[in-house]
C-alpha atoms as a PDB file:
ATOM      1  CA  MET A   1      -3.091  -7.115   5.347  1.00  0.00           C
ATOM      2  CA  LEU A   2      -1.453  -9.350   2.757  1.00  0.00           C
ATOM      3  CA  VAL A   3      -1.250  -7.806  -0.708  1.00  0.00           C
ATOM      4  CA  ASP A   4       0.598  -8.414  -3.975  1.00  0.00           C
ATOM      5  CA  TYR A   5       1.351  -5.191  -5.820  1.00  0.00           C
ATOM      6  CA  HIS A   6       3.636  -6.456  -8.588  1.00  0.00           C
ATOM      7  CA  ILE A   7       2.056  -8.981 -10.956  1.00  0.00           C
ATOM      8  CA  HIS A   8       2.607  -9.679 -14.667  1.00  0.00           C
ATOM      9  CA  THR A   9       0.048 -11.496 -16.800  1.00  0.00           C
ATOM     10  CA  ASN A  10      -0.171 -12.600 -20.417  1.00  0.00           C
ATOM     11  CA  HIS A  11      -1.007  -9.012 -21.311  1.00  0.00           C
ATOM     12  CA  SER A  12       2.791  -8.576 -21.086  1.00  0.00           C
ATOM     13  CA  ILE A  13       5.025 -10.348 -23.572  1.00  0.00           C
ATOM     14  CA  ASP A  14       6.830 -12.107 -20.708  1.00  0.00           C
ATOM     15  CA  GLY A  15       3.746 -13.017 -18.630  1.00  0.00           C
ATOM     16  CA  GLU A  16       2.443 -16.579 -18.518  1.00  0.00           C
ATOM     17  CA  MET A  17      -0.758 -16.356 -16.432  1.00  0.00           C
ATOM     18  CA  THR A  18      -4.156 -14.843 -17.034  1.00  0.00           C
ATOM     19  CA  ILE A  19      -5.717 -12.208 -14.839  1.00  0.00           C
ATOM     20  CA  ASP A  20      -8.433 -14.679 -13.877  1.00  0.00           C
ATOM     21  CA  GLU A  21      -5.861 -17.321 -12.828  1.00  0.00           C
ATOM     22  CA  ALA A  22      -4.033 -14.777 -10.687  1.00  0.00           C
ATOM     23  CA  CYS A  23      -7.271 -13.724  -8.976  1.00  0.00           C
ATOM     24  CA  ILE A  24      -8.195 -17.291  -8.112  1.00  0.00           C
ATOM     25  CA  LYS A  25      -4.759 -17.968  -6.637  1.00  0.00           C
ATOM     26  CA  ALA A  26      -4.832 -14.725  -4.651  1.00  0.00           C
ATOM     27  CA  ILE A  27      -8.122 -15.730  -3.053  1.00  0.00           C
ATOM     28  CA  ASN A  28      -6.811 -19.215  -2.289  1.00  0.00           C
ATOM     29  CA  LEU A  29      -3.704 -17.729  -0.640  1.00  0.00           C
ATOM     30  CA  GLY A  30      -5.727 -15.332   1.501  1.00  0.00           C
ATOM     31  CA  ILE A  31      -4.376 -12.246  -0.256  1.00  0.00           C
ATOM     32  CA  LYS A  32      -6.768  -9.337   0.212  1.00  0.00           C
ATOM     33  CA  GLU A  33      -5.688  -6.954  -2.542  1.00  0.00           C
ATOM     34  CA  ILE A  34      -3.688  -7.180  -5.751  1.00  0.00           C
ATOM     35  CA  ALA A  35      -2.431  -4.766  -8.386  1.00  0.00           C
ATOM     36  CA  PHE A  36      -1.710  -5.949 -11.901  1.00  0.00           C
ATOM     37  CA  THR A  37       1.428  -4.215 -13.199  1.00  0.00           C
ATOM     38  CA  ASP A  38       2.074  -5.383 -16.732  1.00  0.00           C
ATOM     39  CA  HIS A  39       4.986  -3.887 -18.658  1.00  0.00           C
ATOM     40  CA  ILE A  40       5.344  -0.783 -20.748  1.00  0.00           C
ATOM     41  CA  ASP A  41       8.999  -0.321 -21.640  1.00  0.00           C
ATOM     42  CA  LEU A  42       9.326   1.916 -24.687  1.00  0.00           C
ATOM     43  CA  ASP A  43      12.187   1.448 -27.155  1.00  0.00           C
ATOM     44  CA  TRP A  44      13.534  -1.759 -25.637  1.00  0.00           C
ATOM     45  CA  PRO A  45      16.978  -2.329 -27.213  1.00  0.00           C
ATOM     46  CA  ASP A  46      16.587  -6.076 -27.661  1.00  0.00           C
ATOM     47  CA  PRO A  47      14.416  -6.807 -30.737  1.00  0.00           C
ATOM     48  CA  GLU A  48      13.426 -10.203 -29.341  1.00  0.00           C
ATOM     49  CA  PHE A  49      11.244  -8.537 -26.705  1.00  0.00           C
ATOM     50  CA  ASP A  50       8.512  -6.087 -27.632  1.00  0.00           C
ATOM     51  CA  PHE A  51       7.652  -4.319 -24.401  1.00  0.00           C
ATOM     52  CA  ASP A  52       6.321  -1.316 -26.347  1.00  0.00           C
ATOM     53  CA  THR A  53       3.116  -3.097 -27.265  1.00  0.00           C
ATOM     54  CA  ILE A  54       0.305  -3.693 -24.823  1.00  0.00           C
ATOM     55  CA  ASP A  55      -3.362  -3.386 -25.691  1.00  0.00           C
ATOM     56  CA  LEU A  56      -4.353  -1.135 -22.812  1.00  0.00           C
ATOM     57  CA  GLU A  57      -8.026  -1.074 -23.775  1.00  0.00           C
ATOM     58  CA  LYS A  58      -8.153  -4.864 -23.590  1.00  0.00           C
ATOM     59  CA  TYR A  59      -6.078  -4.830 -20.401  1.00  0.00           C
ATOM     60  CA  PHE A  60      -8.484  -2.504 -18.603  1.00  0.00           C
ATOM     61  CA  THR A  61     -11.508  -4.429 -19.886  1.00  0.00           C
ATOM     62  CA  ASP A  62     -10.071  -7.671 -18.536  1.00  0.00           C
ATOM     63  CA  ILE A  63      -9.318  -6.098 -15.162  1.00  0.00           C
ATOM     64  CA  GLU A  64     -12.808  -4.590 -14.883  1.00  0.00           C
ATOM     65  CA  LYS A  65     -14.405  -7.927 -15.778  1.00  0.00           C
ATOM     66  CA  ASN A  66     -12.533  -9.626 -12.954  1.00  0.00           C
ATOM     67  CA  LYS A  67     -13.304  -6.830 -10.503  1.00  0.00           C
ATOM     68  CA  THR A  68     -16.968  -7.635 -11.063  1.00  0.00           C
ATOM     69  CA  LYS A  69     -16.433 -11.393 -10.965  1.00  0.00           C
ATOM     70  CA  TYR A  70     -14.553 -11.370  -7.652  1.00  0.00           C
ATOM     71  CA  LYS A  71     -16.292  -8.471  -5.936  1.00  0.00           C
ATOM     72  CA  GLY A  72     -16.422  -9.041  -2.206  1.00  0.00           C
ATOM     73  CA  GLN A  73     -13.629 -11.615  -2.372  1.00  0.00           C
ATOM     74  CA  LEU A  74     -10.675  -9.622  -3.663  1.00  0.00           C
ATOM     75  CA  LYS A  75      -9.743  -5.988  -4.266  1.00  0.00           C
ATOM     76  CA  ILE A  76      -8.216  -5.601  -7.735  1.00  0.00           C
ATOM     77  CA  LYS A  77      -6.288  -2.546  -8.895  1.00  0.00           C
ATOM     78  CA  ALA A  78      -5.197  -1.539 -12.391  1.00  0.00           C
ATOM     79  CA  GLY A  79      -1.492  -0.834 -12.375  1.00  0.00           C
ATOM     80  CA  ILE A  80       1.440  -0.710 -14.741  1.00  0.00           C
ATOM     81  CA  GLU A  81       5.209  -1.115 -14.536  1.00  0.00           C
ATOM     82  CA  ILE A  82       6.901   1.486 -16.679  1.00  0.00           C
ATOM     83  CA  GLY A  83      10.485   1.168 -17.805  1.00  0.00           C
ATOM     84  CA  LEU A  84      12.472   4.386 -17.492  1.00  0.00           C
ATOM     85  CA  GLN A  85      14.954   5.473 -20.156  1.00  0.00           C
ATOM     86  CA  PRO A  86      16.083   9.093 -20.626  1.00  0.00           C
ATOM     87  CA  HIS A  87      14.975   9.512 -24.241  1.00  0.00           C
ATOM     88  CA  VAL A  88      11.378   8.227 -23.841  1.00  0.00           C
ATOM     89  CA  LEU A  89      10.268   9.958 -20.653  1.00  0.00           C
ATOM     90  CA  ASN A  90       7.803  12.300 -22.366  1.00  0.00           C
ATOM     91  CA  GLU A  91       6.162   9.464 -24.313  1.00  0.00           C
ATOM     92  CA  THR A  92       5.960   7.378 -21.176  1.00  0.00           C
ATOM     93  CA  ALA A  93       4.379  10.224 -19.221  1.00  0.00           C
ATOM     94  CA  LYS A  94       1.713  10.643 -21.918  1.00  0.00           C
ATOM     95  CA  ILE A  95       0.648   7.008 -21.554  1.00  0.00           C
ATOM     96  CA  ILE A  96       0.342   7.361 -17.797  1.00  0.00           C
ATOM     97  CA  GLU A  97      -1.674  10.548 -18.145  1.00  0.00           C
ATOM     98  CA  ASP A  98      -4.040   9.060 -20.741  1.00  0.00           C
ATOM     99  CA  TYR A  99      -5.204   6.010 -18.748  1.00  0.00           C
ATOM    100  CA  PRO A 100      -6.852   5.661 -15.312  1.00  0.00           C
ATOM    101  CA  PHE A 101      -4.183   3.653 -13.552  1.00  0.00           C
ATOM    102  CA  ASP A 102      -4.500   3.089  -9.819  1.00  0.00           C
ATOM    103  CA  PHE A 103      -0.808   2.431  -9.376  1.00  0.00           C
ATOM    104  CA  VAL A 104       2.433   2.959 -11.316  1.00  0.00           C
ATOM    105  CA  ILE A 105       5.787   1.311 -10.655  1.00  0.00           C
ATOM    106  CA  GLY A 106       8.759   3.125 -12.168  1.00  0.00           C
ATOM    107  CA  SER A 107      11.611   0.708 -12.902  1.00  0.00           C
ATOM    108  CA  VAL A 108      15.065   0.873 -14.423  1.00  0.00           C
ATOM    109  CA  HIS A 109      15.609  -2.173 -16.631  1.00  0.00           C
ATOM    110  CA  ILE A 110      17.987  -0.674 -19.200  1.00  0.00           C
ATOM    111  CA  ILE A 111      21.302   1.018 -18.440  1.00  0.00           C
ATOM    112  CA  GLN A 112      23.091   2.916 -21.196  1.00  0.00           C
ATOM    113  CA  ARG A 113      20.920   1.157 -23.807  1.00  0.00           C
ATOM    114  CA  MET A 114      21.982  -2.269 -22.508  1.00  0.00           C
ATOM    115  CA  ASP A 115      19.739  -4.976 -21.080  1.00  0.00           C
ATOM    116  CA  PRO A 116      21.399  -6.655 -18.067  1.00  0.00           C
ATOM    117  CA  TYR A 117      19.421  -9.820 -18.778  1.00  0.00           C
ATOM    118  CA  ARG A 118      21.535 -10.372 -21.886  1.00  0.00           C
ATOM    119  CA  GLY A 119      24.850  -9.986 -20.065  1.00  0.00           C
ATOM    120  CA  LYS A 120      26.504  -7.423 -22.338  1.00  0.00           C
ATOM    121  CA  TYR A 121      26.151  -4.778 -19.659  1.00  0.00           C
ATOM    122  CA  TYR A 122      28.543  -6.613 -17.346  1.00  0.00           C
ATOM    123  CA  ILE A 123      31.399  -7.141 -19.804  1.00  0.00           C
ATOM    124  CA  GLY A 124      34.616  -5.400 -18.752  1.00  0.00           C
ATOM    125  CA  LYS A 125      33.125  -3.900 -15.573  1.00  0.00           C
ATOM    126  CA  THR A 126      33.995  -4.462 -11.956  1.00  0.00           C
ATOM    127  CA  LYS A 127      31.228  -5.110  -9.470  1.00  0.00           C
ATOM    128  CA  GLU A 128      31.675  -1.570  -8.178  1.00  0.00           C
ATOM    129  CA  GLU A 129      31.130  -0.175 -11.680  1.00  0.00           C
ATOM    130  CA  ILE A 130      28.121  -2.412 -12.337  1.00  0.00           C
ATOM    131  CA  TYR A 131      26.272  -1.040  -9.317  1.00  0.00           C
ATOM    132  CA  ARG A 132      27.488   2.549  -9.613  1.00  0.00           C
ATOM    133  CA  LEU A 133      26.260   2.974 -13.193  1.00  0.00           C
ATOM    134  CA  TYR A 134      22.905   1.431 -12.282  1.00  0.00           C
ATOM    135  CA  TYR A 135      22.386   3.747  -9.312  1.00  0.00           C
ATOM    136  CA  GLU A 136      23.612   6.820 -11.194  1.00  0.00           C
ATOM    137  CA  GLU A 137      21.157   6.108 -14.014  1.00  0.00           C
ATOM    138  CA  THR A 138      18.341   5.528 -11.536  1.00  0.00           C
ATOM    139  CA  LEU A 139      19.048   8.802  -9.751  1.00  0.00           C
ATOM    140  CA  ARG A 140      19.069  10.815 -12.987  1.00  0.00           C
ATOM    141  CA  LEU A 141      15.818   9.265 -14.142  1.00  0.00           C
ATOM    142  CA  ILE A 142      13.817   9.837 -10.974  1.00  0.00           C
ATOM    143  CA  GLU A 143      15.082  13.411 -10.808  1.00  0.00           C
ATOM    144  CA  ASP A 144      13.690  13.985 -14.318  1.00  0.00           C
ATOM    145  CA  PHE A 145      10.481  11.933 -14.090  1.00  0.00           C
ATOM    146  CA  SER A 146       7.607  12.023 -11.620  1.00  0.00           C
ATOM    147  CA  HIS A 147       4.832   9.988 -13.244  1.00  0.00           C
ATOM    148  CA  PHE A 148       5.171   6.980 -10.945  1.00  0.00           C
ATOM    149  CA  ASP A 149       4.252   6.029  -7.393  1.00  0.00           C
ATOM    150  CA  VAL A 150       7.041   3.714  -6.227  1.00  0.00           C
ATOM    151  CA  LEU A 151      10.503   2.857  -7.518  1.00  0.00           C
ATOM    152  CA  GLY A 152      10.670  -0.797  -8.521  1.00  0.00           C
ATOM    153  CA  HIS A 153      13.083  -3.524  -7.384  1.00  0.00           C
ATOM    154  CA  ILE A 154      15.945  -1.390  -6.093  1.00  0.00           C
ATOM    155  CA  GLY A 155      19.141  -3.388  -6.581  1.00  0.00           C
ATOM    156  CA  TYR A 156      17.722  -5.122  -9.672  1.00  0.00           C
ATOM    157  CA  ILE A 157      21.178  -5.294 -11.202  1.00  0.00           C
ATOM    158  CA  LYS A 158      22.067  -8.259  -8.976  1.00  0.00           C
ATOM    159  CA  ARG A 159      19.377 -10.415 -10.567  1.00  0.00           C
ATOM    160  CA  TYR A 160      21.399 -11.222 -13.696  1.00  0.00           C
ATOM    161  CA  SER A 161      24.953 -10.440 -12.635  1.00  0.00           C
ATOM    162  CA  PRO A 162      27.446 -13.168 -13.638  1.00  0.00           C
ATOM    163  CA  LEU A 163      29.754 -12.144 -10.792  1.00  0.00           C
ATOM    164  CA  PRO A 164      29.638 -14.118  -7.524  1.00  0.00           C
ATOM    165  CA  TYR A 165      27.149 -12.648  -5.078  1.00  0.00           C
ATOM    166  CA  ASN A 166      28.224 -11.322  -1.693  1.00  0.00           C
ATOM    167  CA  LYS A 167      25.903  -9.807   0.890  1.00  0.00           C
ATOM    168  CA  GLU A 168      28.104  -6.703   0.904  1.00  0.00           C
ATOM    169  CA  ASP A 169      27.066  -6.066  -2.719  1.00  0.00           C
ATOM    170  CA  GLU A 170      23.720  -4.798  -1.438  1.00  0.00           C
ATOM    171  CA  LEU A 171      25.487  -1.962   0.385  1.00  0.00           C
ATOM    172  CA  LEU A 172      27.663  -0.691  -2.449  1.00  0.00           C
ATOM    173  CA  HIS A 173      27.316   3.060  -3.129  1.00  0.00           C
ATOM    174  CA  LEU A 174      25.254   3.961  -0.101  1.00  0.00           C
ATOM    175  CA  ASP A 175      25.816   7.633  -0.946  1.00  0.00           C
ATOM    176  CA  LEU A 176      23.967   7.224  -4.230  1.00  0.00           C
ATOM    177  CA  ILE A 177      21.245   5.129  -2.610  1.00  0.00           C
ATOM    178  CA  ASP A 178      20.717   7.849  -0.009  1.00  0.00           C
ATOM    179  CA  GLU A 179      20.341  10.426  -2.780  1.00  0.00           C
ATOM    180  CA  ILE A 180      17.795   8.209  -4.532  1.00  0.00           C
ATOM    181  CA  PHE A 181      15.791   7.863  -1.327  1.00  0.00           C
ATOM    182  CA  LYS A 182      15.945  11.607  -0.656  1.00  0.00           C
ATOM    183  CA  VAL A 183      14.598  12.389  -4.136  1.00  0.00           C
ATOM    184  CA  LEU A 184      11.792   9.847  -3.733  1.00  0.00           C
ATOM    185  CA  ILE A 185      10.823  11.215  -0.325  1.00  0.00           C
ATOM    186  CA  LYS A 186      10.914  14.837  -1.520  1.00  0.00           C
ATOM    187  CA  LYS A 187       8.647  13.943  -4.449  1.00  0.00           C
ATOM    188  CA  GLY A 188       6.223  11.945  -2.299  1.00  0.00           C
ATOM    189  CA  LYS A 189       7.200   8.658  -3.934  1.00  0.00           C
ATOM    190  CA  GLY A 190       7.794   5.312  -2.300  1.00  0.00           C
ATOM    191  CA  ILE A 191       9.668   2.057  -2.680  1.00  0.00           C
ATOM    192  CA  GLU A 192       8.501  -1.480  -3.123  1.00  0.00           C
ATOM    193  CA  VAL A 193       9.677  -4.561  -1.286  1.00  0.00           C
ATOM    194  CA  ASN A 194      10.077  -6.935  -4.218  1.00  0.00           C
ATOM    195  CA  THR A 195      10.020 -10.525  -3.025  1.00  0.00           C
ATOM    196  CA  SER A 196      11.420 -12.002  -6.235  1.00  0.00           C
ATOM    197  CA  GLY A 197      14.748 -11.558  -4.427  1.00  0.00           C
ATOM    198  CA  TYR A 198      13.861 -14.601  -2.343  1.00  0.00           C
ATOM    199  CA  ARG A 199      14.162 -16.619  -5.558  1.00  0.00           C
ATOM    200  CA  HIS A 200      17.726 -15.302  -6.033  1.00  0.00           C
ATOM    201  CA  VAL A 201      20.847 -16.742  -4.403  1.00  0.00           C
ATOM    202  CA  SER A 202      20.822 -13.727  -2.053  1.00  0.00           C
ATOM    203  CA  ASN A 203      17.552 -14.967  -0.501  1.00  0.00           C
ATOM    204  CA  CYS A 204      16.488 -11.439   0.412  1.00  0.00           C
ATOM    205  CA  PRO A 205      14.055  -8.932  -1.079  1.00  0.00           C
ATOM    206  CA  MET A 206      14.935  -5.995  -3.289  1.00  0.00           C
ATOM    207  CA  PRO A 207      15.932  -3.780  -1.574  1.00  0.00           C
ATOM    208  CA  PRO A 208      17.289  -5.729   1.417  1.00  0.00           C
ATOM    209  CA  LEU A 209      16.466  -5.013   5.052  1.00  0.00           C
ATOM    210  CA  GLU A 210      19.375  -2.613   5.569  1.00  0.00           C
ATOM    211  CA  LEU A 211      18.227  -0.333   2.744  1.00  0.00           C
ATOM    212  CA  ILE A 212      14.571  -0.485   3.762  1.00  0.00           C
ATOM    213  CA  MET A 213      15.682   0.664   7.211  1.00  0.00           C
ATOM    214  CA  ARG A 214      17.710   3.466   5.645  1.00  0.00           C
ATOM    215  CA  TYR A 215      14.704   4.626   3.605  1.00  0.00           C
ATOM    216  CA  ARG A 216      12.678   4.815   6.817  1.00  0.00           C
ATOM    217  CA  GLU A 217      15.463   6.625   8.698  1.00  0.00           C
ATOM    218  CA  LEU A 218      15.514   9.305   6.004  1.00  0.00           C
ATOM    219  CA  GLY A 219      11.762   9.841   6.414  1.00  0.00           C
ATOM    220  CA  GLY A 220      10.254   7.477   3.844  1.00  0.00           C
ATOM    221  CA  ASN A 221       6.791   6.124   4.645  1.00  0.00           C
ATOM    222  CA  ILE A 222       5.343   4.809   1.346  1.00  0.00           C
ATOM    223  CA  ILE A 223       6.124   1.116   0.945  1.00  0.00           C
ATOM    224  CA  THR A 224       4.397  -1.533  -1.163  1.00  0.00           C
ATOM    225  CA  LEU A 225       4.841  -5.301  -1.346  1.00  0.00           C
ATOM    226  CA  GLY A 226       4.943  -7.400  -4.525  1.00  0.00           C
ATOM    227  CA  SER A 227       6.081 -10.784  -5.797  1.00  0.00           C
ATOM    228  CA  ASP A 228       7.046  -9.619  -9.318  1.00  0.00           C
ATOM    229  CA  SER A 229       5.499 -12.849 -10.541  1.00  0.00           C
ATOM    230  CA  HIS A 230       5.304 -13.675 -14.248  1.00  0.00           C
ATOM    231  CA  LYS A 231       3.893 -17.176 -13.867  1.00  0.00           C
ATOM    232  CA  LEU A 232       1.386 -18.766 -11.540  1.00  0.00           C
ATOM    233  CA  ASP A 233       3.956 -20.831  -9.625  1.00  0.00           C
ATOM    234  CA  ASP A 234       5.669 -17.636  -8.438  1.00  0.00           C
ATOM    235  CA  PHE A 235       2.505 -15.714  -7.633  1.00  0.00           C
ATOM    236  CA  GLY A 236       2.536 -14.620  -3.997  1.00  0.00           C
ATOM    237  CA  PHE A 237       5.986 -16.104  -3.394  1.00  0.00           C
ATOM    238  CA  GLY A 238       7.770 -14.608  -0.390  1.00  0.00           C
ATOM    239  CA  LEU A 239       5.027 -12.138   0.530  1.00  0.00           C
ATOM    240  CA  LYS A 240       4.838 -13.183   4.176  1.00  0.00           C
ATOM    241  CA  SER A 241       8.636 -12.984   4.511  1.00  0.00           C
ATOM    242  CA  GLY A 242       8.567  -9.587   2.801  1.00  0.00           C
ATOM    243  CA  LEU A 243       5.941  -8.334   5.215  1.00  0.00           C
ATOM    244  CA  GLU A 244       8.040  -9.538   8.141  1.00  0.00           C
ATOM    245  CA  THR A 245      11.041  -7.678   6.703  1.00  0.00           C
ATOM    246  CA  ILE A 246       8.983  -4.489   6.416  1.00  0.00           C
ATOM    247  CA  MET A 247       8.027  -4.793  10.081  1.00  0.00           C
ATOM    248  CA  GLN A 248      11.614  -5.594  11.049  1.00  0.00           C
ATOM    249  CA  ALA A 249      12.662  -2.362   9.330  1.00  0.00           C
ATOM    250  CA  GLY A 250      10.378  -0.466  11.706  1.00  0.00           C
ATOM    251  CA  PHE A 251       7.279   0.044   9.562  1.00  0.00           C
ATOM    252  CA  ASP A 252       3.865  -0.593  11.090  1.00  0.00           C
ATOM    253  CA  GLN A 253       1.936   0.256   7.914  1.00  0.00           C
ATOM    254  CA  ILE A 254       1.876  -0.923   4.322  1.00  0.00           C
ATOM    255  CA  THR A 255       0.686   1.131   1.350  1.00  0.00           C
ATOM    256  CA  THR A 256      -1.914   0.467  -1.312  1.00  0.00           C
ATOM    257  CA  PHE A 257      -3.106   2.803  -4.082  1.00  0.00           C
ATOM    258  CA  THR A 258      -6.402   3.843  -5.621  1.00  0.00           C
ATOM    259  CA  ASN A 259      -6.456   6.369  -8.446  1.00  0.00           C
ATOM    260  CA  ARG A 260      -2.747   7.037  -7.760  1.00  0.00           C
ATOM    261  CA  LYS A 261      -3.501   8.055  -4.169  1.00  0.00           C
ATOM    262  CA  PRO A 262      -1.704   6.194  -1.338  1.00  0.00           C
ATOM    263  CA  TYR A 263      -3.647   4.540   1.480  1.00  0.00           C
ATOM    264  CA  PHE A 264      -1.974   3.243   4.613  1.00  0.00           C
ATOM    265  CA  HIS A 265      -2.941   0.032   6.382  1.00  0.00           C
ATOM    266  CA  ARG A 266      -1.703  -1.042   9.778  1.00  0.00           C
ATOM    267  CA  ILE A 267       0.199  -4.315   9.732  1.00  0.00           C
ATOM    268  CA  ARG A 268      -1.052  -6.930  12.162  1.00  0.00           C
ATOM    269  CA  LYS A 269       1.700  -9.159  13.474  1.00  0.00           C
ATOM    270  CA  LYS A 270      -0.256 -12.383  12.932  1.00  0.00           C
ATOM    271  CA  GLU A 271       0.054 -11.755   9.155  1.00  0.00           C
END
């Protein structure tokens, strides 16, 4: 079952495709189910980007309209990607509680009030420090917050790092990664295989195979698949490779969500 559970549309400030365009492409690619996961990231430190503002009433109306339009051709779920920062967790939880989301990705985009996209975060830090601070922040946040279903793009910090990439980077701070996985598993949360990593020099998903295997070894069983696409050209990119990686890690099922409840689907090898 091919799905895409991480999609951004023009309901997000950084999205460039409409919900309707994404649905048409999903059908053309043979994708059976999609979840729209536009951004809510309260108190973003960079004034150029306003991730606080999304018209959720309009968002849900648009999703429902397309559910009707493509009924029988495509399953469409209403999701959201929430940005986690320590000082806005209560406000973020209220939004999740107030709307009927099918699926919630919890993601760490900001570390110590710095946006890695802008590069300031990396100044004066070694590669070891860059990853350690990211994983420490992630661990604290998921210990304090439970209003999400999967943790987004683990290893995200590599996406914008100015330091030369090495495959060994993915395995830095395995002790912290293990603790993150243990917290997720204890809370009944999952991870996503984010295929935007195939567009990075690393040419592997986030997290990579070795960490997906570790999550499974520790008892994790909730795993979603998403392209993290913001424009139509990237929609669905790497999904088949991501599914193969999930199987290589030892999983024979993939997870979808309805009304925040996980459903498990057996993976057929021909996919």
